[in-house]
Amino acid sequence: MSRQVFVSLDGPKGAGKTTLLEAITKVLRADNKKVIRLCEKKSDPSRGETMALVNRFVRNPTLDLELEICERFADSRAWISRHVLTKQPPDSIILMDRWYPSDAAFRRRVPFAQILQLNMERNVRVPDLHVGVVTAPDISWARAAARTRGLSSTVIHKLEEHVACTKAFEREIAHQGWVLCRNEGTIEDATRQVISEIYRVPGCPAGTGFAGSGS
């Protein structure tokens, strides 16, 4: 492979995205691919300041504050695009845990089309493949509730908010033409689907096949 292939996975809390990322990484590496796992929030040098604004927004939501948060997230992605993504090996598959599609999750006042424009204006890198990972809201809500850390969301605390978040993701996945991965079956099925989509990206050579998790 002569160029980077940049893949983002986004989805509501509890949809099994992290487990799926781990399974995809295992299979790709077993297929002798160079895989780089990145997480937006861990790569963001301004995360603390932005999350302080998010906490203010939760207590007192306003359109101006929401727009400022969206702008700060876009600024951070622009920084990551310039200073992190460009430093990765040219022949690697970069798997990014959340990217700008995630702003569709809880931004209620700023239209996602405007959020998308904010990112494009800042030359935020566009993934070669967007994957939206979703389940029925009651399934992801139950999965999140069963975790030690729970839902682990600053913004979403009620089931109805989680339902709205899931609907927002599904709406944007369909509207933007991203790949929809319904992660309600086995992890092998979801992994197989995403691996197949990655191998279809121009510049990414086909793999040797996928018969199961890690094999």
C-alpha atoms as a PDB file:
ATOM      1  CA  MET A   1       0.000   0.000   0.000  1.00  0.00           C
ATOM      2  CA  SER A   2       1.507   3.312  -1.084  1.00  0.00           C
ATOM      3  CA  ARG A   3      -0.673   5.685   0.930  1.00  0.00           C
ATOM      4  CA  GLN A   4      -2.434   6.033   4.249  1.00  0.00           C
ATOM      5  CA  VAL A   5      -6.002   4.818   4.495  1.00  0.00           C
ATOM      6  CA  PHE A   6      -7.887   6.865   7.076  1.00  0.00           C
ATOM      7  CA  VAL A   7     -10.946   5.223   8.656  1.00  0.00           C
ATOM      8  CA  SER A   8     -13.171   6.790  11.318  1.00  0.00           C
ATOM      9  CA  LEU A   9     -15.619   4.888  13.504  1.00  0.00           C
ATOM     10  CA  ASP A  10     -18.344   6.875  15.207  1.00  0.00           C
ATOM     11  CA  GLY A  11     -21.484   5.909  17.042  1.00  0.00           C
ATOM     12  CA  PRO A  12     -23.591   6.342  20.164  1.00  0.00           C
ATOM     13  CA  LYS A  13     -22.411   5.217  23.564  1.00  0.00           C
ATOM     14  CA  GLY A  14     -22.716   1.480  24.135  1.00  0.00           C
ATOM     15  CA  ALA A  15     -22.871   0.569  20.442  1.00  0.00           C
ATOM     16  CA  GLY A  16     -19.772  -1.615  20.835  1.00  0.00           C
ATOM     17  CA  LYS A  17     -17.430   0.632  18.889  1.00  0.00           C
ATOM     18  CA  THR A  18     -14.330   0.063  21.039  1.00  0.00           C
ATOM     19  CA  THR A  19     -14.780  -3.725  20.978  1.00  0.00           C
ATOM     20  CA  LEU A  20     -15.234  -3.549  17.208  1.00  0.00           C
ATOM     21  CA  LEU A  21     -12.122  -1.408  16.793  1.00  0.00           C
ATOM     22  CA  GLU A  22     -10.097  -3.953  18.755  1.00  0.00           C
ATOM     23  CA  ALA A  23     -11.410  -6.841  16.632  1.00  0.00           C
ATOM     24  CA  ILE A  24     -10.743  -4.976  13.367  1.00  0.00           C
ATOM     25  CA  THR A  25      -7.211  -4.141  14.475  1.00  0.00           C
ATOM     26  CA  LYS A  26      -6.507  -7.772  15.360  1.00  0.00           C
ATOM     27  CA  VAL A  27      -7.725  -9.080  12.000  1.00  0.00           C
ATOM     28  CA  LEU A  28      -5.910  -6.447   9.934  1.00  0.00           C
ATOM     29  CA  ARG A  29      -2.624  -7.038  11.745  1.00  0.00           C
ATOM     30  CA  ALA A  30      -3.029 -10.793  11.307  1.00  0.00           C
ATOM     31  CA  ASP A  31      -3.346 -10.007   7.601  1.00  0.00           C
ATOM     32  CA  ASN A  32       0.046  -8.229   7.745  1.00  0.00           C
ATOM     33  CA  LYS A  33      -1.397  -4.707   7.547  1.00  0.00           C
ATOM     34  CA  LYS A  34       0.227  -1.829   9.385  1.00  0.00           C
ATOM     35  CA  VAL A  35      -2.516  -0.504  11.660  1.00  0.00           C
ATOM     36  CA  ILE A  36      -2.399   2.715  13.694  1.00  0.00           C
ATOM     37  CA  ARG A  37      -5.087   3.096  16.383  1.00  0.00           C
ATOM     38  CA  LEU A  38      -5.849   6.691  17.345  1.00  0.00           C
ATOM     39  CA  CYS A  39      -8.479   8.275  19.566  1.00  0.00           C
ATOM     40  CA  GLU A  40      -9.613  11.826  18.910  1.00  0.00           C
ATOM     41  CA  LYS A  41      -9.957  12.821  22.543  1.00  0.00           C
ATOM     42  CA  LYS A  42      -6.523  11.421  23.462  1.00  0.00           C
ATOM     43  CA  SER A  43      -4.884  13.279  20.563  1.00  0.00           C
ATOM     44  CA  ASP A  44      -6.577  16.616  21.292  1.00  0.00           C
ATOM     45  CA  PRO A  45      -4.261  19.088  23.095  1.00  0.00           C
ATOM     46  CA  SER A  46      -7.201  21.344  24.005  1.00  0.00           C
ATOM     47  CA  ARG A  47      -9.544  18.659  25.317  1.00  0.00           C
ATOM     48  CA  GLY A  48      -9.603  19.875  28.917  1.00  0.00           C
ATOM     49  CA  GLU A  49     -10.611  23.423  28.011  1.00  0.00           C
ATOM     50  CA  THR A  50     -13.236  22.245  25.534  1.00  0.00           C
ATOM     51  CA  MET A  51     -14.792  19.793  27.988  1.00  0.00           C
ATOM     52  CA  ALA A  52     -15.017  22.595  30.544  1.00  0.00           C
ATOM     53  CA  LEU A  53     -17.205  24.409  28.008  1.00  0.00           C
ATOM     54  CA  VAL A  54     -19.229  21.227  27.460  1.00  0.00           C
ATOM     55  CA  ASN A  55     -19.876  21.058  31.215  1.00  0.00           C
ATOM     56  CA  ARG A  56     -21.035  24.686  31.147  1.00  0.00           C
ATOM     57  CA  PHE A  57     -23.271  23.841  28.193  1.00  0.00           C
ATOM     58  CA  VAL A  58     -24.896  20.977  30.095  1.00  0.00           C
ATOM     59  CA  ARG A  59     -25.773  23.329  32.963  1.00  0.00           C
ATOM     60  CA  ASN A  60     -26.880  26.215  30.739  1.00  0.00           C
ATOM     61  CA  PRO A  61     -27.326  25.271  27.069  1.00  0.00           C
ATOM     62  CA  THR A  62     -27.225  28.164  24.605  1.00  0.00           C
ATOM     63  CA  LEU A  63     -26.783  28.363  20.864  1.00  0.00           C
ATOM     64  CA  ASP A  64     -23.666  30.552  21.146  1.00  0.00           C
ATOM     65  CA  LEU A  65     -21.964  28.177  23.564  1.00  0.00           C
ATOM     66  CA  GLU A  66     -22.831  25.141  21.469  1.00  0.00           C
ATOM     67  CA  LEU A  67     -21.393  26.826  18.382  1.00  0.00           C
ATOM     68  CA  GLU A  68     -18.214  27.703  20.289  1.00  0.00           C
ATOM     69  CA  ILE A  69     -17.839  24.044  21.331  1.00  0.00           C
ATOM     70  CA  CYS A  70     -18.301  22.863  17.747  1.00  0.00           C
ATOM     71  CA  GLU A  71     -15.696  25.373  16.562  1.00  0.00           C
ATOM     72  CA  ARG A  72     -13.214  24.261  19.213  1.00  0.00           C
ATOM     73  CA  PHE A  73     -13.677  20.604  18.281  1.00  0.00           C
ATOM     74  CA  ALA A  74     -13.103  21.512  14.616  1.00  0.00           C
ATOM     75  CA  ASP A  75      -9.969  23.497  15.543  1.00  0.00           C
ATOM     76  CA  SER A  76      -8.645  20.490  17.446  1.00  0.00           C
ATOM     77  CA  ARG A  77      -9.317  18.130  14.527  1.00  0.00           C
ATOM     78  CA  ALA A  78      -7.477  20.532  12.237  1.00  0.00           C
ATOM     79  CA  TRP A  79      -4.518  20.394  14.635  1.00  0.00           C
ATOM     80  CA  ILE A  80      -4.665  16.576  14.738  1.00  0.00           C
ATOM     81  CA  SER A  81      -4.876  16.496  10.935  1.00  0.00           C
ATOM     82  CA  ARG A  82      -1.698  18.572  10.619  1.00  0.00           C
ATOM     83  CA  HIS A  83       0.365  17.340  13.542  1.00  0.00           C
ATOM     84  CA  VAL A  84      -0.714  13.750  14.217  1.00  0.00           C
ATOM     85  CA  LEU A  85      -2.102  12.191  11.048  1.00  0.00           C
ATOM     86  CA  THR A  86       0.740  13.478   8.884  1.00  0.00           C
ATOM     87  CA  LYS A  87       3.271  11.814  11.206  1.00  0.00           C
ATOM     88  CA  GLN A  88       1.874   8.304  10.664  1.00  0.00           C
ATOM     89  CA  PRO A  89       3.551   5.853   8.245  1.00  0.00           C
ATOM     90  CA  PRO A  90       2.490   6.377   4.617  1.00  0.00           C
ATOM     91  CA  ASP A  91       1.552   2.725   4.155  1.00  0.00           C
ATOM     92  CA  SER A  92      -0.651   2.417   7.232  1.00  0.00           C
ATOM     93  CA  ILE A  93      -4.346   1.991   7.941  1.00  0.00           C
ATOM     94  CA  ILE A  94      -5.333   4.602  10.519  1.00  0.00           C
ATOM     95  CA  LEU A  95      -8.347   3.688  12.648  1.00  0.00           C
ATOM     96  CA  MET A  96      -9.704   6.803  14.380  1.00  0.00           C
ATOM     97  CA  ASP A  97     -11.991   6.418  17.393  1.00  0.00           C
ATOM     98  CA  ARG A  98     -14.498   9.248  16.771  1.00  0.00           C
ATOM     99  CA  TRP A  99     -14.157  12.173  14.357  1.00  0.00           C
ATOM    100  CA  TYR A 100     -16.489  14.951  13.260  1.00  0.00           C
ATOM    101  CA  PRO A 101     -19.519  12.663  12.668  1.00  0.00           C
ATOM    102  CA  SER A 102     -19.649  12.340  16.457  1.00  0.00           C
ATOM    103  CA  ASP A 103     -20.796  15.943  16.713  1.00  0.00           C
ATOM    104  CA  ALA A 104     -24.127  14.722  15.367  1.00  0.00           C
ATOM    105  CA  ALA A 105     -24.648  12.862  18.634  1.00  0.00           C
ATOM    106  CA  PHE A 106     -25.646  15.663  20.957  1.00  0.00           C
ATOM    107  CA  ARG A 107     -25.501  18.937  19.055  1.00  0.00           C
ATOM    108  CA  ARG A 108     -29.180  19.876  19.001  1.00  0.00           C
ATOM    109  CA  ARG A 109     -29.208  23.580  18.094  1.00  0.00           C
ATOM    110  CA  VAL A 110     -26.391  23.780  15.525  1.00  0.00           C
ATOM    111  CA  PRO A 111     -27.346  21.870  12.352  1.00  0.00           C
ATOM    112  CA  PHE A 112     -24.922  19.117  11.458  1.00  0.00           C
ATOM    113  CA  ALA A 113     -24.488  20.649   7.964  1.00  0.00           C
ATOM    114  CA  GLN A 114     -23.036  23.706   9.699  1.00  0.00           C
ATOM    115  CA  ILE A 115     -20.789  21.530  11.877  1.00  0.00           C
ATOM    116  CA  LEU A 116     -19.555  19.747   8.754  1.00  0.00           C
ATOM    117  CA  GLN A 117     -18.827  23.116   7.119  1.00  0.00           C
ATOM    118  CA  LEU A 118     -16.824  24.247  10.165  1.00  0.00           C
ATOM    119  CA  ASN A 119     -14.597  21.199   9.783  1.00  0.00           C
ATOM    120  CA  MET A 120     -14.187  21.574   6.023  1.00  0.00           C
ATOM    121  CA  GLU A 121     -13.270  25.268   6.330  1.00  0.00           C
ATOM    122  CA  ARG A 122     -10.448  24.298   8.675  1.00  0.00           C
ATOM    123  CA  ASN A 123      -9.145  21.576   6.336  1.00  0.00           C
ATOM    124  CA  VAL A 124      -9.930  18.813   8.809  1.00  0.00           C
ATOM    125  CA  ARG A 125      -8.919  15.596   7.097  1.00  0.00           C
ATOM    126  CA  VAL A 126     -11.810  13.754   5.483  1.00  0.00           C
ATOM    127  CA  PRO A 127     -11.703  10.009   6.210  1.00  0.00           C
ATOM    128  CA  ASP A 128     -11.428   7.646   3.272  1.00  0.00           C
ATOM    129  CA  LEU A 129     -14.113   5.637   5.033  1.00  0.00           C
ATOM    130  CA  HIS A 130     -16.707   6.765   7.576  1.00  0.00           C
ATOM    131  CA  VAL A 131     -18.249   3.917   9.562  1.00  0.00           C
ATOM    132  CA  GLY A 132     -21.281   4.621  11.721  1.00  0.00           C
ATOM    133  CA  VAL A 133     -21.717   1.940  14.397  1.00  0.00           C
ATOM    134  CA  VAL A 134     -25.225   1.760  15.841  1.00  0.00           C
ATOM    135  CA  THR A 135     -27.662  -0.567  17.569  1.00  0.00           C
ATOM    136  CA  ALA A 136     -31.264  -0.199  18.620  1.00  0.00           C
ATOM    137  CA  PRO A 137     -31.165   2.378  21.449  1.00  0.00           C
ATOM    138  CA  ASP A 138     -32.436  -0.040  24.101  1.00  0.00           C
ATOM    139  CA  ILE A 139     -29.616  -2.471  23.281  1.00  0.00           C
ATOM    140  CA  SER A 140     -26.800   0.112  23.479  1.00  0.00           C
ATOM    141  CA  TRP A 141     -28.364   1.677  26.588  1.00  0.00           C
ATOM    142  CA  ALA A 142     -28.417  -1.724  28.320  1.00  0.00           C
ATOM    143  CA  ARG A 143     -24.845  -2.480  27.226  1.00  0.00           C
ATOM    144  CA  ALA A 144     -23.620   0.852  28.555  1.00  0.00           C
ATOM    145  CA  ALA A 145     -25.483   0.386  31.842  1.00  0.00           C
ATOM    146  CA  ALA A 146     -23.777  -2.973  32.320  1.00  0.00           C
ATOM    147  CA  ARG A 147     -20.278  -1.488  32.008  1.00  0.00           C
ATOM    148  CA  THR A 148     -18.268  -0.557  35.076  1.00  0.00           C
ATOM    149  CA  ARG A 149     -17.992   3.033  33.826  1.00  0.00           C
ATOM    150  CA  GLY A 150     -21.670   3.126  32.841  1.00  0.00           C
ATOM    151  CA  LEU A 151     -22.704   5.383  29.971  1.00  0.00           C
ATOM    152  CA  SER A 152     -19.704   7.644  30.629  1.00  0.00           C
ATOM    153  CA  SER A 153     -21.292  10.632  28.916  1.00  0.00           C
ATOM    154  CA  THR A 154     -21.025  14.268  29.920  1.00  0.00           C
ATOM    155  CA  VAL A 155     -24.080  15.247  27.908  1.00  0.00           C
ATOM    156  CA  ILE A 156     -26.461  12.264  27.780  1.00  0.00           C
ATOM    157  CA  HIS A 157     -28.016  11.002  31.018  1.00  0.00           C
ATOM    158  CA  LYS A 158     -31.506   9.808  30.083  1.00  0.00           C
ATOM    159  CA  LEU A 159     -32.778   7.080  27.776  1.00  0.00           C
ATOM    160  CA  GLU A 160     -34.755   9.565  25.697  1.00  0.00           C
ATOM    161  CA  GLU A 161     -31.572  11.586  25.128  1.00  0.00           C
ATOM    162  CA  HIS A 162     -29.800   8.422  24.061  1.00  0.00           C
ATOM    163  CA  VAL A 163     -32.638   7.603  21.660  1.00  0.00           C
ATOM    164  CA  ALA A 164     -32.354  11.079  20.136  1.00  0.00           C
ATOM    165  CA  CYS A 165     -28.572  10.629  19.852  1.00  0.00           C
ATOM    166  CA  THR A 166     -28.990   7.314  18.023  1.00  0.00           C
ATOM    167  CA  LYS A 167     -31.570   8.787  15.660  1.00  0.00           C
ATOM    168  CA  ALA A 168     -29.234  11.710  14.929  1.00  0.00           C
ATOM    169  CA  PHE A 169     -26.424   9.321  14.037  1.00  0.00           C
ATOM    170  CA  GLU A 170     -28.614   7.177  11.802  1.00  0.00           C
ATOM    171  CA  ARG A 171     -30.027  10.260  10.063  1.00  0.00           C
ATOM    172  CA  GLU A 172     -26.561  11.622   9.266  1.00  0.00           C
ATOM    173  CA  ILE A 173     -25.184   8.218   8.246  1.00  0.00           C
ATOM    174  CA  ALA A 174     -27.953   7.922   5.667  1.00  0.00           C
ATOM    175  CA  HIS A 175     -27.760  11.555   4.531  1.00  0.00           C
ATOM    176  CA  GLN A 176     -23.960  11.614   4.169  1.00  0.00           C
ATOM    177  CA  GLY A 177     -23.688   8.177   2.579  1.00  0.00           C
ATOM    178  CA  TRP A 178     -21.469   6.744   5.296  1.00  0.00           C
ATOM    179  CA  VAL A 179     -21.226   3.010   5.939  1.00  0.00           C
ATOM    180  CA  LEU A 180     -23.821   1.797   8.431  1.00  0.00           C
ATOM    181  CA  CYS A 181     -22.711  -1.034  10.691  1.00  0.00           C
ATOM    182  CA  ARG A 182     -25.533  -2.435  12.808  1.00  0.00           C
ATOM    183  CA  ASN A 183     -23.609  -4.031  15.640  1.00  0.00           C
ATOM    184  CA  GLU A 184     -26.456  -6.112  17.068  1.00  0.00           C
ATOM    185  CA  GLY A 185     -25.261  -9.562  15.981  1.00  0.00           C
ATOM    186  CA  THR A 186     -21.902 -11.199  16.540  1.00  0.00           C
ATOM    187  CA  ILE A 187     -18.699  -9.192  16.674  1.00  0.00           C
ATOM    188  CA  GLU A 188     -17.404 -11.432  13.867  1.00  0.00           C
ATOM    189  CA  ASP A 189     -20.205 -10.293  11.556  1.00  0.00           C
ATOM    190  CA  ALA A 190     -19.591  -6.610  12.258  1.00  0.00           C
ATOM    191  CA  THR A 191     -15.829  -7.047  11.898  1.00  0.00           C
ATOM    192  CA  ARG A 192     -16.251  -8.862   8.596  1.00  0.00           C
ATOM    193  CA  GLN A 193     -18.400  -6.058   7.229  1.00  0.00           C
ATOM    194  CA  VAL A 194     -15.999  -3.264   8.179  1.00  0.00           C
ATOM    195  CA  ILE A 195     -12.904  -5.156   7.011  1.00  0.00           C
ATOM    196  CA  SER A 196     -14.608  -5.705   3.658  1.00  0.00           C
ATOM    197  CA  GLU A 197     -15.329  -1.981   3.359  1.00  0.00           C
ATOM    198  CA  ILE A 198     -11.738  -1.068   4.274  1.00  0.00           C
ATOM    199  CA  TYR A 199     -10.374  -3.369   1.580  1.00  0.00           C
ATOM    200  CA  ARG A 200     -12.609  -1.631  -0.971  1.00  0.00           C
ATOM    201  CA  VAL A 201     -10.954   1.746  -0.330  1.00  0.00           C
ATOM    202  CA  PRO A 202      -8.799   2.728  -3.338  1.00  0.00           C
ATOM    203  CA  GLY A 203      -5.136   2.242  -2.505  1.00  0.00           C
ATOM    204  CA  CYS A 204      -5.788  -0.445   0.086  1.00  0.00           C
ATOM    205  CA  PRO A 205      -4.882  -3.888  -1.292  1.00  0.00           C
ATOM    206  CA  ALA A 206      -7.365  -6.676  -0.730  1.00  0.00           C
ATOM    207  CA  GLY A 207      -6.724  -8.966   2.198  1.00  0.00           C
ATOM    208  CA  THR A 208      -6.430 -12.711   2.286  1.00  0.00           C
ATOM    209  CA  GLY A 209      -9.937 -13.168   3.650  1.00  0.00           C
ATOM    210  CA  PHE A 210     -11.654 -13.282   7.029  1.00  0.00           C
ATOM    211  CA  ALA A 211     -12.988 -16.474   8.516  1.00  0.00           C
ATOM    212  CA  GLY A 212     -13.426 -15.363  12.103  1.00  0.00           C
ATOM    213  CA  SER A 213     -12.122 -13.055  14.777  1.00  0.00           C
ATOM    214  CA  GLY A 214      -8.367 -12.879  14.568  1.00  0.00           C
ATOM    215  CA  SER A 215      -8.026 -15.793  12.159  1.00  0.00           C
END
